[in-house]
PDB file of all heavy atoms in Angstrom:
ATOM      1  N   THR A   1      15.761  -2.189  47.360  1.00  0.00           N
ATOM      2  CA  THR A   1      15.217  -2.844  46.257  1.00  0.00           C
ATOM      3  C   THR A   1      15.698  -4.259  46.139  1.00  0.00           C
ATOM      4  O   THR A   1      16.872  -4.524  46.703  1.00  0.00           O
ATOM      5  CB  THR A   1      15.425  -2.001  45.048  1.00  0.00           C
ATOM      6  OG1 THR A   1      16.854  -2.107  44.732  1.00  0.00           O
ATOM      7  CG2 THR A   1      14.962  -0.622  45.184  1.00  0.00           C
ATOM      8  N   PRO A   2      15.153  -5.126  45.360  1.00  0.00           N
ATOM      9  CA  PRO A   2      15.730  -6.500  45.130  1.00  0.00           C
ATOM     10  C   PRO A   2      17.082  -6.442  44.577  1.00  0.00           C
ATOM     11  O   PRO A   2      17.946  -7.276  44.871  1.00  0.00           O
ATOM     12  CB  PRO A   2      14.693  -7.161  44.185  1.00  0.00           C
ATOM     13  CG  PRO A   2      13.391  -6.558  44.516  1.00  0.00           C
ATOM     14  CD  PRO A   2      13.692  -5.075  44.865  1.00  0.00           C
ATOM     15  N   LYS A   3      17.389  -5.460  43.664  1.00  0.00           N
ATOM     16  CA  LYS A   3      18.690  -5.281  43.057  1.00  0.00           C
ATOM     17  C   LYS A   3      19.694  -4.990  44.153  1.00  0.00           C
ATOM     18  O   LYS A   3      20.821  -5.544  44.205  1.00  0.00           O
ATOM     19  CB  LYS A   3      18.572  -4.303  42.038  1.00  0.00           C
ATOM     20  CG  LYS A   3      20.029  -4.040  41.354  1.00  0.00           C
ATOM     21  CD  LYS A   3      19.978  -2.981  40.232  1.00  0.00           C
ATOM     22  CE  LYS A   3      21.429  -2.772  39.660  1.00  0.00           C
ATOM     23  NZ  LYS A   3      21.279  -1.644  38.581  1.00  0.00           N
ATOM     24  N   GLU A   4      19.389  -4.099  45.028  1.00  0.00           N
ATOM     25  CA  GLU A   4      20.358  -3.740  46.188  1.00  0.00           C
ATOM     26  C   GLU A   4      20.581  -4.907  47.113  1.00  0.00           C
ATOM     27  O   GLU A   4      21.670  -4.984  47.672  1.00  0.00           O
ATOM     28  CB  GLU A   4      19.822  -2.443  46.823  1.00  0.00           C
ATOM     29  CG  GLU A   4      19.764  -1.179  46.008  1.00  0.00           C
ATOM     30  CD  GLU A   4      18.909  -0.071  46.616  1.00  0.00           C
ATOM     31  OE1 GLU A   4      18.084  -0.319  47.383  1.00  0.00           O
ATOM     32  OE2 GLU A   4      19.128   1.065  46.064  1.00  0.00           O
ATOM     33  N   LEU A   5      19.582  -5.649  47.323  1.00  0.00           N
ATOM     34  CA  LEU A   5      19.574  -6.772  48.217  1.00  0.00           C
ATOM     35  C   LEU A   5      20.756  -7.746  47.884  1.00  0.00           C
ATOM     36  O   LEU A   5      21.419  -8.264  48.751  1.00  0.00           O
ATOM     37  CB  LEU A   5      18.271  -7.583  48.241  1.00  0.00           C
ATOM     38  CG  LEU A   5      18.246  -8.840  49.140  1.00  0.00           C
ATOM     39  CD1 LEU A   5      18.286  -8.513  50.553  1.00  0.00           C
ATOM     40  CD2 LEU A   5      16.996  -9.646  48.824  1.00  0.00           C
ATOM     41  N   PHE A   6      20.847  -7.969  46.570  1.00  0.00           N
ATOM     42  CA  PHE A   6      21.984  -8.916  46.069  1.00  0.00           C
ATOM     43  C   PHE A   6      23.294  -8.384  45.938  1.00  0.00           C
ATOM     44  O   PHE A   6      24.060  -8.962  45.330  1.00  0.00           O
ATOM     45  CB  PHE A   6      21.407  -9.549  44.758  1.00  0.00           C
ATOM     46  CG  PHE A   6      20.333 -10.521  44.961  1.00  0.00           C
ATOM     47  CD1 PHE A   6      18.962 -10.016  44.901  1.00  0.00           C
ATOM     48  CD2 PHE A   6      20.455 -11.803  45.247  1.00  0.00           C
ATOM     49  CE1 PHE A   6      17.875 -10.876  45.052  1.00  0.00           C
ATOM     50  CE2 PHE A   6      19.367 -12.660  45.482  1.00  0.00           C
ATOM     51  CZ  PHE A   6      18.138 -12.227  45.387  1.00  0.00           C
ATOM     52  N   GLN A   7      23.552  -7.131  46.383  1.00  0.00           N
ATOM     53  CA  GLN A   7      24.881  -6.563  46.355  1.00  0.00           C
ATOM     54  C   GLN A   7      25.662  -6.760  47.549  1.00  0.00           C
ATOM     55  O   GLN A   7      25.064  -6.816  48.659  1.00  0.00           O
ATOM     56  CB  GLN A   7      24.708  -5.093  46.057  1.00  0.00           C
ATOM     57  CG  GLN A   7      24.083  -4.716  44.685  1.00  0.00           C
ATOM     58  CD  GLN A   7      23.910  -3.101  44.497  1.00  0.00           C
ATOM     59  OE1 GLN A   7      23.938  -2.392  45.460  1.00  0.00           O
ATOM     60  NE2 GLN A   7      23.651  -2.754  43.254  1.00  0.00           N
ATOM     61  N   PHE A   8      27.028  -6.824  47.394  1.00  0.00           N
ATOM     62  CA  PHE A   8      27.845  -6.857  48.502  1.00  0.00           C
ATOM     63  C   PHE A   8      27.718  -5.425  49.304  1.00  0.00           C
ATOM     64  O   PHE A   8      27.814  -4.380  48.644  1.00  0.00           O
ATOM     65  CB  PHE A   8      29.294  -7.068  48.078  1.00  0.00           C
ATOM     66  CG  PHE A   8      30.341  -6.983  49.164  1.00  0.00           C
ATOM     67  CD1 PHE A   8      30.167  -7.697  50.306  1.00  0.00           C
ATOM     68  CD2 PHE A   8      31.491  -6.106  48.951  1.00  0.00           C
ATOM     69  CE1 PHE A   8      31.223  -7.535  51.292  1.00  0.00           C
ATOM     70  CE2 PHE A   8      32.396  -6.034  49.991  1.00  0.00           C
ATOM     71  CZ  PHE A   8      32.247  -6.774  51.093  1.00  0.00           C
ATOM     72  N   ARG A   9      27.660  -5.530  50.566  1.00  0.00           N
ATOM     73  CA  ARG A   9      27.438  -4.457  51.433  1.00  0.00           C
ATOM     74  C   ARG A   9      26.264  -3.583  50.942  1.00  0.00           C
ATOM     75  O   ARG A   9      26.334  -2.511  50.469  1.00  0.00           O
ATOM     76  CB  ARG A   9      28.756  -3.549  51.574  1.00  0.00           C
ATOM     77  CG  ARG A   9      28.571  -2.636  52.841  1.00  0.00           C
ATOM     78  CD  ARG A   9      29.533  -1.501  52.779  1.00  0.00           C
ATOM     79  NE  ARG A   9      29.529  -0.608  53.936  1.00  0.00           N
ATOM     80  CZ  ARG A   9      29.942   0.578  53.901  1.00  0.00           C
ATOM     81  NH1 ARG A   9      30.392   1.218  52.732  1.00  0.00           N
ATOM     82  NH2 ARG A   9      29.956   1.319  55.040  1.00  0.00           N
ATOM     83  N   PRO A  10      25.018  -4.115  50.992  1.00  0.00           N
ATOM     84  CA  PRO A  10      23.866  -3.394  50.389  1.00  0.00           C
ATOM     85  C   PRO A  10      23.687  -2.047  51.288  1.00  0.00           C
ATOM     86  O   PRO A  10      23.843  -2.064  52.402  1.00  0.00           O
ATOM     87  CB  PRO A  10      22.651  -4.252  50.721  1.00  0.00           C
ATOM     88  CG  PRO A  10      23.177  -5.163  51.809  1.00  0.00           C
ATOM     89  CD  PRO A  10      24.621  -5.336  51.632  1.00  0.00           C
ATOM     90  N   THR A  11      23.446  -0.964  50.463  1.00  0.00           N
ATOM     91  CA  THR A  11      23.211   0.352  50.954  1.00  0.00           C
ATOM     92  C   THR A  11      21.894   0.874  50.526  1.00  0.00           C
ATOM     93  O   THR A  11      21.603   0.960  49.368  1.00  0.00           O
ATOM     94  CB  THR A  11      24.397   1.303  50.542  1.00  0.00           C
ATOM     95  OG1 THR A  11      25.667   0.724  50.950  1.00  0.00           O
ATOM     96  CG2 THR A  11      24.255   2.561  51.171  1.00  0.00           C
ATOM     97  N   ALA A  12      21.120   1.349  51.547  1.00  0.00           N
ATOM     98  CA  ALA A  12      19.778   1.888  51.203  1.00  0.00           C
ATOM     99  C   ALA A  12      19.956   3.321  50.613  1.00  0.00           C
ATOM    100  O   ALA A  12      20.751   4.131  51.171  1.00  0.00           O
ATOM    101  CB  ALA A  12      18.917   1.856  52.476  1.00  0.00           C
ATOM    102  N   ARG A  13      19.286   3.651  49.594  1.00  0.00           N
ATOM    103  CA  ARG A  13      19.147   4.885  49.067  1.00  0.00           C
ATOM    104  C   ARG A  13      17.799   5.582  49.326  1.00  0.00           C
ATOM    105  O   ARG A  13      17.706   6.774  49.129  1.00  0.00           O
ATOM    106  CB  ARG A  13      19.346   4.934  47.493  1.00  0.00           C
ATOM    107  CG  ARG A  13      20.752   4.392  47.051  1.00  0.00           C
ATOM    108  CD  ARG A  13      20.871   4.516  45.561  1.00  0.00           C
ATOM    109  NE  ARG A  13      20.829   6.038  45.207  1.00  0.00           N
ATOM    110  CZ  ARG A  13      20.887   6.351  43.993  1.00  0.00           C
ATOM    111  NH1 ARG A  13      20.989   5.526  42.961  1.00  0.00           N
ATOM    112  NH2 ARG A  13      20.866   7.775  43.701  1.00  0.00           N
ATOM    113  N   LYS A  14      16.844   4.808  49.852  1.00  0.00           N
ATOM    114  CA  LYS A  14      15.528   5.307  50.305  1.00  0.00           C
ATOM    115  C   LYS A  14      15.200   4.923  51.658  1.00  0.00           C
ATOM    116  O   LYS A  14      15.751   3.932  52.161  1.00  0.00           O
ATOM    117  CB  LYS A  14      14.473   4.791  49.231  1.00  0.00           C
ATOM    118  CG  LYS A  14      14.717   5.372  47.835  1.00  0.00           C
ATOM    119  CD  LYS A  14      13.578   4.818  46.946  1.00  0.00           C
ATOM    120  CE  LYS A  14      13.700   5.352  45.531  1.00  0.00           C
ATOM    121  NZ  LYS A  14      12.643   4.876  44.590  1.00  0.00           N
ATOM    122  N   TYR A  15      14.270   5.592  52.288  1.00  0.00           N
ATOM    123  CA  TYR A  15      13.876   5.328  53.662  1.00  0.00           C
ATOM    124  C   TYR A  15      12.400   5.437  53.810  1.00  0.00           C
ATOM    125  O   TYR A  15      11.750   6.237  53.078  1.00  0.00           O
ATOM    126  CB  TYR A  15      14.544   6.251  54.643  1.00  0.00           C
ATOM    127  CG  TYR A  15      16.063   6.213  54.575  1.00  0.00           C
ATOM    128  CD1 TYR A  15      16.860   6.834  53.690  1.00  0.00           C
ATOM    129  CD2 TYR A  15      16.805   5.320  55.582  1.00  0.00           C
ATOM    130  CE1 TYR A  15      18.254   6.759  53.619  1.00  0.00           C
ATOM    131  CE2 TYR A  15      18.092   5.312  55.508  1.00  0.00           C
ATOM    132  CZ  TYR A  15      18.880   5.914  54.628  1.00  0.00           C
ATOM    133  OH  TYR A  15      20.208   5.833  54.495  1.00  0.00           O
ATOM    134  N   VAL A  16      11.780   4.570  54.693  1.00  0.00           N
ATOM    135  CA  VAL A  16      10.303   4.686  54.785  1.00  0.00           C
ATOM    136  C   VAL A  16      10.006   4.764  56.321  1.00  0.00           C
ATOM    137  O   VAL A  16      10.829   4.386  57.187  1.00  0.00           O
ATOM    138  CB  VAL A  16       9.601   3.378  54.303  1.00  0.00           C
ATOM    139  CG1 VAL A  16       9.787   3.384  52.789  1.00  0.00           C
ATOM    140  CG2 VAL A  16      10.252   2.026  54.918  1.00  0.00           C
ATOM    141  N   LEU A  17       8.843   5.234  56.701  1.00  0.00           N
ATOM    142  CA  LEU A  17       8.337   5.366  58.104  1.00  0.00           C
ATOM    143  C   LEU A  17       7.320   4.226  58.226  1.00  0.00           C
ATOM    144  O   LEU A  17       6.403   4.138  57.426  1.00  0.00           O
ATOM    145  CB  LEU A  17       7.714   6.696  58.343  1.00  0.00           C
ATOM    146  CG  LEU A  17       8.709   7.787  58.607  1.00  0.00           C
ATOM    147  CD1 LEU A  17       7.961   9.149  58.854  1.00  0.00           C
ATOM    148  CD2 LEU A  17       9.629   7.472  59.700  1.00  0.00           C
ATOM    149  N   PRO A  18       7.448   3.358  59.231  1.00  0.00           N
ATOM    150  CA  PRO A  18       6.546   2.257  59.425  1.00  0.00           C
ATOM    151  C   PRO A  18       5.119   2.645  59.542  1.00  0.00           C
ATOM    152  O   PRO A  18       4.268   1.947  59.032  1.00  0.00           O
ATOM    153  CB  PRO A  18       7.098   1.589  60.727  1.00  0.00           C
ATOM    154  CG  PRO A  18       8.635   1.901  60.827  1.00  0.00           C
ATOM    155  CD  PRO A  18       8.612   3.317  60.210  1.00  0.00           C
ATOM    156  N   LYS A  19       4.824   3.839  60.194  1.00  0.00           N
ATOM    157  CA  LYS A  19       3.444   4.155  60.378  1.00  0.00           C
ATOM    158  C   LYS A  19       2.741   4.663  59.070  1.00  0.00           C
ATOM    159  O   LYS A  19       1.530   4.794  58.987  1.00  0.00           O
ATOM    160  CB  LYS A  19       3.368   5.320  61.418  1.00  0.00           C
ATOM    161  CG  LYS A  19       4.100   6.597  60.969  1.00  0.00           C
ATOM    162  CD  LYS A  19       4.002   7.671  62.058  1.00  0.00           C
ATOM    163  CE  LYS A  19       4.626   9.006  61.663  1.00  0.00           C
ATOM    164  NZ  LYS A  19       4.636  10.001  62.741  1.00  0.00           N
ATOM    165  N   LEU A  20       3.580   4.919  58.051  1.00  0.00           N
ATOM    166  CA  LEU A  20       2.971   5.326  56.794  1.00  0.00           C
ATOM    167  C   LEU A  20       2.700   4.186  55.845  1.00  0.00           C
ATOM    168  O   LEU A  20       2.069   4.402  54.818  1.00  0.00           O
ATOM    169  CB  LEU A  20       3.994   6.315  56.099  1.00  0.00           C
ATOM    170  CG  LEU A  20       4.251   7.640  56.843  1.00  0.00           C
ATOM    171  CD1 LEU A  20       5.109   8.506  56.085  1.00  0.00           C
ATOM    172  CD2 LEU A  20       2.876   8.439  57.024  1.00  0.00           C
ATOM    173  N   ILE A  21       3.115   2.979  56.203  1.00  0.00           N
ATOM    174  CA  ILE A  21       2.897   1.839  55.252  1.00  0.00           C
ATOM    175  C   ILE A  21       2.195   0.786  55.992  1.00  0.00           C
ATOM    176  O   ILE A  21       2.705   0.248  56.999  1.00  0.00           O
ATOM    177  CB  ILE A  21       4.168   1.289  54.660  1.00  0.00           C
ATOM    178  CG1 ILE A  21       4.899   2.485  53.816  1.00  0.00           C
ATOM    179  CG2 ILE A  21       3.960   0.124  53.791  1.00  0.00           C
ATOM    180  CD1 ILE A  21       6.256   2.025  53.205  1.00  0.00           C
ATOM    181  N   GLU A  22       1.050   0.450  55.543  1.00  0.00           N
ATOM    182  CA  GLU A  22       0.168  -0.624  56.118  1.00  0.00           C
ATOM    183  C   GLU A  22       0.831  -2.000  55.972  1.00  0.00           C
ATOM    184  O   GLU A  22       1.371  -2.391  54.879  1.00  0.00           O
ATOM    185  CB  GLU A  22      -1.219  -0.624  55.442  1.00  0.00           C
ATOM    186  CG  GLU A  22      -2.146  -1.567  56.180  1.00  0.00           C
ATOM    187  CD  GLU A  22      -3.516  -1.645  55.516  1.00  0.00           C
ATOM    188  OE1 GLU A  22      -3.752  -0.734  54.687  1.00  0.00           O
ATOM    189  OE2 GLU A  22      -4.306  -2.426  55.875  1.00  0.00           O
ATOM    190  N   GLY A  23       0.925  -2.731  57.137  1.00  0.00           N
ATOM    191  CA  GLY A  23       1.487  -4.047  57.059  1.00  0.00           C
ATOM    192  C   GLY A  23       3.025  -4.100  56.837  1.00  0.00           C
ATOM    193  O   GLY A  23       3.579  -5.056  56.299  1.00  0.00           O
ATOM    194  N   LEU A  24       3.751  -3.034  57.187  1.00  0.00           N
ATOM    195  CA  LEU A  24       5.056  -3.049  56.908  1.00  0.00           C
ATOM    196  C   LEU A  24       5.905  -4.079  57.613  1.00  0.00           C
ATOM    197  O   LEU A  24       7.048  -4.469  57.210  1.00  0.00           O
ATOM    198  CB  LEU A  24       5.776  -1.569  57.287  1.00  0.00           C
ATOM    199  CG  LEU A  24       7.189  -1.354  56.941  1.00  0.00           C
ATOM    200  CD1 LEU A  24       7.236  -1.290  55.379  1.00  0.00           C
ATOM    201  CD2 LEU A  24       7.765  -0.006  57.520  1.00  0.00           C
ATOM    202  N   GLN A  25       5.424  -4.648  58.669  1.00  0.00           N
ATOM    203  CA  GLN A  25       6.073  -5.700  59.388  1.00  0.00           C
ATOM    204  C   GLN A  25       6.377  -6.927  58.507  1.00  0.00           C
ATOM    205  O   GLN A  25       7.294  -7.622  58.725  1.00  0.00           O
ATOM    206  CB  GLN A  25       5.301  -6.168  60.670  1.00  0.00           C
ATOM    207  CG  GLN A  25       4.004  -6.862  60.396  1.00  0.00           C
ATOM    208  CD  GLN A  25       2.846  -5.799  60.214  1.00  0.00           C
ATOM    209  OE1 GLN A  25       3.072  -4.606  60.147  1.00  0.00           O
ATOM    210  NE2 GLN A  25       1.591  -6.328  60.161  1.00  0.00           N
ATOM    211  N   ASN A  26       5.562  -7.057  57.494  1.00  0.00           N
ATOM    212  CA  ASN A  26       5.759  -8.259  56.532  1.00  0.00           C
ATOM    213  C   ASN A  26       6.827  -7.947  55.583  1.00  0.00           C
ATOM    214  O   ASN A  26       7.254  -8.911  54.690  1.00  0.00           O
ATOM    215  CB  ASN A  26       4.422  -8.480  55.783  1.00  0.00           C
ATOM    216  CG  ASN A  26       3.318  -9.000  56.652  1.00  0.00           C
ATOM    217  OD1 ASN A  26       3.618  -9.858  57.537  1.00  0.00           O
ATOM    218  ND2 ASN A  26       2.096  -8.648  56.528  1.00  0.00           N
ATOM    219  N   TRP A  27       7.278  -6.732  55.552  1.00  0.00           N
ATOM    220  CA  TRP A  27       8.357  -6.310  54.579  1.00  0.00           C
ATOM    221  C   TRP A  27       9.696  -6.538  55.077  1.00  0.00           C
ATOM    222  O   TRP A  27      10.768  -6.576  54.296  1.00  0.00           O
ATOM    223  CB  TRP A  27       8.215  -4.818  54.171  1.00  0.00           C
ATOM    224  CG  TRP A  27       6.972  -4.624  53.350  1.00  0.00           C
ATOM    225  CD1 TRP A  27       5.803  -5.105  53.582  1.00  0.00           C
ATOM    226  CD2 TRP A  27       6.889  -3.602  52.298  1.00  0.00           C
ATOM    227  NE1 TRP A  27       4.932  -4.575  52.588  1.00  0.00           N
ATOM    228  CE2 TRP A  27       5.616  -3.613  51.904  1.00  0.00           C
ATOM    229  CE3 TRP A  27       7.802  -2.737  51.740  1.00  0.00           C
ATOM    230  CZ2 TRP A  27       5.130  -2.790  50.771  1.00  0.00           C
ATOM    231  CZ3 TRP A  27       7.286  -2.003  50.653  1.00  0.00           C
ATOM    232  CH2 TRP A  27       6.060  -2.013  50.222  1.00  0.00           C
ATOM    233  N   TYR A  28       9.846  -6.794  56.458  1.00  0.00           N
ATOM    234  CA  TYR A  28      11.235  -7.106  56.947  1.00  0.00           C
ATOM    235  C   TYR A  28      11.511  -8.572  56.671  1.00  0.00           C
ATOM    236  O   TYR A  28      10.582  -9.395  56.555  1.00  0.00           O
ATOM    237  CB  TYR A  28      11.193  -6.961  58.501  1.00  0.00           C
ATOM    238  CG  TYR A  28      11.053  -5.456  58.870  1.00  0.00           C
ATOM    239  CD1 TYR A  28       9.942  -4.905  59.190  1.00  0.00           C
ATOM    240  CD2 TYR A  28      12.344  -4.677  59.091  1.00  0.00           C
ATOM    241  CE1 TYR A  28       9.769  -3.527  59.624  1.00  0.00           C
ATOM    242  CE2 TYR A  28      12.208  -3.402  59.481  1.00  0.00           C
ATOM    243  CZ  TYR A  28      10.971  -2.757  59.759  1.00  0.00           C
ATOM    244  OH  TYR A  28      10.967  -1.486  60.162  1.00  0.00           O
ATOM    245  N   ILE A  29      12.845  -8.797  56.570  1.00  0.00           N
ATOM    246  CA  ILE A  29      13.254 -10.283  56.431  1.00  0.00           C
ATOM    247  C   ILE A  29      14.063 -10.582  57.647  1.00  0.00           C
ATOM    248  O   ILE A  29      14.775  -9.884  58.274  1.00  0.00           O
ATOM    249  CB  ILE A  29      13.982 -10.399  55.096  1.00  0.00           C
ATOM    250  CG1 ILE A  29      15.098  -9.333  54.968  1.00  0.00           C
ATOM    251  CG2 ILE A  29      13.079 -10.499  53.913  1.00  0.00           C
ATOM    252  CD1 ILE A  29      16.030  -9.462  53.649  1.00  0.00           C
ATOM    253  N   LYS A  30      13.929 -11.946  57.931  1.00  0.00           N
ATOM    254  CA  LYS A  30      14.589 -12.418  59.190  1.00  0.00           C
ATOM    255  C   LYS A  30      15.814 -13.418  58.829  1.00  0.00           C
ATOM    256  O   LYS A  30      15.812 -14.107  57.790  1.00  0.00           O
ATOM    257  CB  LYS A  30      13.588 -13.157  60.109  1.00  0.00           C
ATOM    258  CG  LYS A  30      12.445 -12.208  60.499  1.00  0.00           C
ATOM    259  CD  LYS A  30      12.975 -11.132  61.431  1.00  0.00           C
ATOM    260  CE  LYS A  30      11.812 -10.192  62.004  1.00  0.00           C
ATOM    261  NZ  LYS A  30      12.411  -9.093  62.799  1.00  0.00           N
ATOM    262  N   LYS A  31      16.738 -13.493  59.748  1.00  0.00           N
ATOM    263  CA  LYS A  31      17.840 -14.409  59.565  1.00  0.00           C
ATOM    264  C   LYS A  31      17.228 -15.807  59.390  1.00  0.00           C
ATOM    265  O   LYS A  31      16.315 -16.291  60.053  1.00  0.00           O
ATOM    266  CB  LYS A  31      18.713 -14.372  60.777  1.00  0.00           C
ATOM    267  CG  LYS A  31      19.918 -15.298  60.652  1.00  0.00           C
ATOM    268  CD  LYS A  31      20.883 -15.053  61.946  1.00  0.00           C
ATOM    269  CE  LYS A  31      20.165 -15.688  63.098  1.00  0.00           C
ATOM    270  NZ  LYS A  31      21.189 -15.721  64.202  1.00  0.00           N
ATOM    271  N   GLY A  32      17.683 -16.524  58.334  1.00  0.00           N
ATOM    272  CA  GLY A  32      17.315 -17.906  58.018  1.00  0.00           C
ATOM    273  C   GLY A  32      16.302 -17.935  56.970  1.00  0.00           C
ATOM    274  O   GLY A  32      15.950 -18.941  56.412  1.00  0.00           O
ATOM    275  N   ASN A  33      15.668 -16.684  56.588  1.00  0.00           N
ATOM    276  CA  ASN A  33      14.792 -16.694  55.429  1.00  0.00           C
ATOM    277  C   ASN A  33      15.519 -16.907  54.208  1.00  0.00           C
ATOM    278  O   ASN A  33      16.720 -16.588  54.109  1.00  0.00           O
ATOM    279  CB  ASN A  33      14.019 -15.314  55.431  1.00  0.00           C
ATOM    280  CG  ASN A  33      13.058 -15.127  56.542  1.00  0.00           C
ATOM    281  OD1 ASN A  33      12.451 -14.119  56.687  1.00  0.00           O
ATOM    282  ND2 ASN A  33      12.834 -16.103  57.421  1.00  0.00           N
ATOM    283  N   ILE A  34      14.792 -17.251  53.082  1.00  0.00           N
ATOM    284  CA  ILE A  34      15.369 -17.305  51.802  1.00  0.00           C
ATOM    285  C   ILE A  34      14.603 -16.310  50.927  1.00  0.00           C
ATOM    286  O   ILE A  34      13.293 -16.196  51.076  1.00  0.00           O
ATOM    287  CB  ILE A  34      15.132 -18.680  51.075  1.00  0.00           C
ATOM    288  CG1 ILE A  34      15.980 -19.687  51.985  1.00  0.00           C
ATOM    289  CG2 ILE A  34      15.814 -18.697  49.632  1.00  0.00           C
ATOM    290  CD1 ILE A  34      15.615 -21.166  51.706  1.00  0.00           C
ATOM    291  N   VAL A  35      15.198 -15.580  50.103  1.00  0.00           N
ATOM    292  CA  VAL A  35      14.551 -14.610  49.308  1.00  0.00           C
ATOM    293  C   VAL A  35      14.990 -14.897  47.823  1.00  0.00           C
ATOM    294  O   VAL A  35      16.112 -15.159  47.471  1.00  0.00           O
ATOM    295  CB  VAL A  35      14.965 -13.082  49.539  1.00  0.00           C
ATOM    296  CG1 VAL A  35      14.370 -12.091  48.565  1.00  0.00           C
ATOM    297  CG2 VAL A  35      14.644 -12.688  50.992  1.00  0.00           C
ATOM    298  N   VAL A  36      13.865 -14.854  46.902  1.00  0.00           N
ATOM    299  CA  VAL A  36      14.006 -15.189  45.545  1.00  0.00           C
ATOM    300  C   VAL A  36      13.566 -13.878  44.692  1.00  0.00           C
ATOM    301  O   VAL A  36      12.471 -13.408  44.949  1.00  0.00           O
ATOM    302  CB  VAL A  36      13.284 -16.438  45.061  1.00  0.00           C
ATOM    303  CG1 VAL A  36      13.444 -16.683  43.676  1.00  0.00           C
ATOM    304  CG2 VAL A  36      13.693 -17.596  45.960  1.00  0.00           C
ATOM    305  N   SER A  37      14.333 -13.480  43.833  1.00  0.00           N
ATOM    306  CA  SER A  37      13.873 -12.279  43.033  1.00  0.00           C
ATOM    307  C   SER A  37      12.774 -12.679  42.127  1.00  0.00           C
ATOM    308  O   SER A  37      12.708 -13.755  41.628  1.00  0.00           O
ATOM    309  CB  SER A  37      15.029 -11.773  42.191  1.00  0.00           C
ATOM    310  OG  SER A  37      15.463 -12.788  41.295  1.00  0.00           O
ATOM    311  N   GLN A  38      11.802 -11.731  42.084  1.00  0.00           N
ATOM    312  CA  GLN A  38      10.432 -12.053  41.452  1.00  0.00           C
ATOM    313  C   GLN A  38      10.271 -11.507  40.104  1.00  0.00           C
ATOM    314  O   GLN A  38       9.558 -12.025  39.357  1.00  0.00           O
ATOM    315  CB  GLN A  38       9.313 -11.552  42.379  1.00  0.00           C
ATOM    316  CG  GLN A  38       7.936 -11.781  41.894  1.00  0.00           C
ATOM    317  CD  GLN A  38       6.881 -11.048  42.747  1.00  0.00           C
ATOM    318  OE1 GLN A  38       7.105 -10.058  43.288  1.00  0.00           O
ATOM    319  NE2 GLN A  38       5.634 -11.618  42.791  1.00  0.00           N
ATOM    320  N   SER A  39      10.869 -10.383  39.824  1.00  0.00           N
ATOM    321  CA  SER A  39      10.684  -9.667  38.531  1.00  0.00           C
ATOM    322  C   SER A  39      12.035  -9.360  37.875  1.00  0.00           C
ATOM    323  O   SER A  39      13.052  -9.199  38.594  1.00  0.00           O
ATOM    324  CB  SER A  39       9.899  -8.368  38.747  1.00  0.00           C
ATOM    325  OG  SER A  39       8.652  -8.606  39.413  1.00  0.00           O
ATOM    326  N   GLY A  40      12.055  -9.164  36.610  1.00  0.00           N
ATOM    327  CA  GLY A  40      13.289  -8.768  35.833  1.00  0.00           C
ATOM    328  C   GLY A  40      14.115  -9.948  35.794  1.00  0.00           C
ATOM    329  O   GLY A  40      13.921 -10.945  35.021  1.00  0.00           O
ATOM    330  N   ASN A  41      15.299  -9.910  36.510  1.00  0.00           N
ATOM    331  CA  ASN A  41      16.210 -10.970  36.543  1.00  0.00           C
ATOM    332  C   ASN A  41      15.737 -12.096  37.634  1.00  0.00           C
ATOM    333  O   ASN A  41      16.131 -12.074  38.725  1.00  0.00           O
ATOM    334  CB  ASN A  41      17.564 -10.513  37.023  1.00  0.00           C
ATOM    335  CG  ASN A  41      18.709 -11.556  36.878  1.00  0.00           C
ATOM    336  OD1 ASN A  41      18.449 -12.629  36.428  1.00  0.00           O
ATOM    337  ND2 ASN A  41      19.889 -11.049  37.179  1.00  0.00           N
TER     338      ASN A  41
END
């Protein structure tokens, strides 16, 4: 989640299967990308 992303040593509590989510390749982030939180904080 965005909250977990901004934590030191982020740890996933949930898992997904790529074949079950359409367009999941767009959900990965790559080295050099910038991410900005969109909701809440």
